[in-house]
Amino acid sequence: MMGLVGCLLGIIGFGIGVPIGILIGFLLFIYKEPADVKDPIIRPLHDLDTSSLLDILPEIPSWMKHPDYDRLLDVQICAAPRIALKPLVPTFPCFTRISMSLMEKPQVDFGLRLLGADIMAIPGLYQYIQEMISKQIASLYLWPQTLEIPILDGSVGATKKPVGILHVKVVRALKLLKMDLLGSSDPYVKLSLSGERLPAKKTSIKMRNLNPLWNEDFKLTVKDPQSQVLQLHVYDWEKVGTHDKLGMQVVPLRLLAPHETQEFSLDLVKNTNPNDPQNKKPRGQLVVQMTFNPFKEDYERFSGPLDRYASNESGVGRLPKHDGSICGAGLLSVILQRAEGVEGKYHNNPYAVIIFKGEKKKSKLVKRTRDPCWNEEFQFVLEEAPLKDMIHIEVISKRLHFSLLRRKESLGHVDINLNDVVHNGRINEKYDLINSKNGVICIEIRWEVT
């Protein structure tokens, strides 16, 4: 019994003594300063005598004692750069990105002193180093390689500029799901590009058909072929209620080569989540053909090899000339900027209507103003250049509340001949509105050929 009590007291003493000992040792370590430690004496160099300077001289690095000990000097670079400031935006500094390429190998010249000697004076070394540096720079920035320096956020001032047209042909579907009570479906396809707010395009509805054949063509404007994807959704049409989803699939545009038609047989899935077990259920196939046609001014970004381009006497690359370059298919972009001095008889809530080849598009409505600012862009994909076509733009005011008075009234209109746009590529003009006392409208129109 006494042995058990003694063992217990020993454990308690050990448990109490160890923390107390650690605490006392820590306090002694902090507050007791060793006697042999002294603060160093710090003095400026100009206060030292000659003997003291000689004592510390071996400890000073060579690059401090000799300014010319190791030095890169007389750097010269001779290059032929190609610099593009685009896209242009109405926000200072008026462009969002600087794109720079070198049209030929740069010539780099410099001197290098190492251990006080000119290393570049060694025979053969100068030419070797110069050629190696030129090759490394050329591999990074020789055209079509491009150095892009962002200046403004792409969302500032303007949206991304279209760079081409995507031609999509919805060919057919195979073995679709049966959604109707009679063991069939009424399928149609909706297609759109990611990142766009435009309404999705639709195919026709094929009634009671699990293997529909469409062969329908669609055109969509592309702004970023490296990141955008084509979204395809197949639905079962219902006369009453919501339409049932039969399946979907996406195709990244980066898989396409310019001007080359590719056919895809896509296995339909429920969603894009690869871990969803319902995606393992067979939902049929969708067959589509896709062709990406970049605009000629952006063609160099997607074309690939350099042998497509000729070189002039200075070595600067040029695009090959195309006959009839303005008369092919392309994209007509209309940018409604603003109107000034538009005044209605009953109300002033203006919006603009664009009518071109039977297609009608509207801008947003601006409340209670005679000087509306829209800054909206509208696009028309055309099979041929609109050399002899006119575009009709009308400013209309709409009453916001119900009234027996006139609900809408025209504030003026203008008809613009597109011949100059096709030949010049772009116009930015201020037009006097017809049937308006002092109204004018500012419009920019661009024509880009694929």
Foldseek 3Di string as FASTA:
>chain_A
DVVVVVVVVVVVCVVVVVVVVVVVVVVCVPPPDDPPDDDDDDDDPVPDDPVVCVVCVVVDDPCVVDVLAWDKFDKDKAFDKDWDFDDAFPDPVRGFKIKIATLDQMFIDIWTHHRNHTPCPPPPPVVVVRVVVSVVVCVQGHPPRIDMDTDHDCVPRDHFDFFWKKKKWFFKWAQAAQDDPVRFFFKKKWKDKPPDPDGTDIFDTRPRDRIDGGRDMDMDTDRDLQPMKMKMWMWGDDPDDDTHTLFIDIGRSVVAAAPDKDKDWAFGAHDDPPPDPRRVDGRTITIMIMHIHTFPVCCSVRHDDPVQWDADPVSGTDHDDDPPQLWFWWKKKKWFFKKAQQDDPPADFKKKWKAWPNDIDIFDTHHGDRIDGTRDMDMDTGGTHQQATKMKMWMKHADPDDDPPDGMDTRFIDIDHCNCQSVVQKDWDKADGPPHDGMITTMIMGITGD
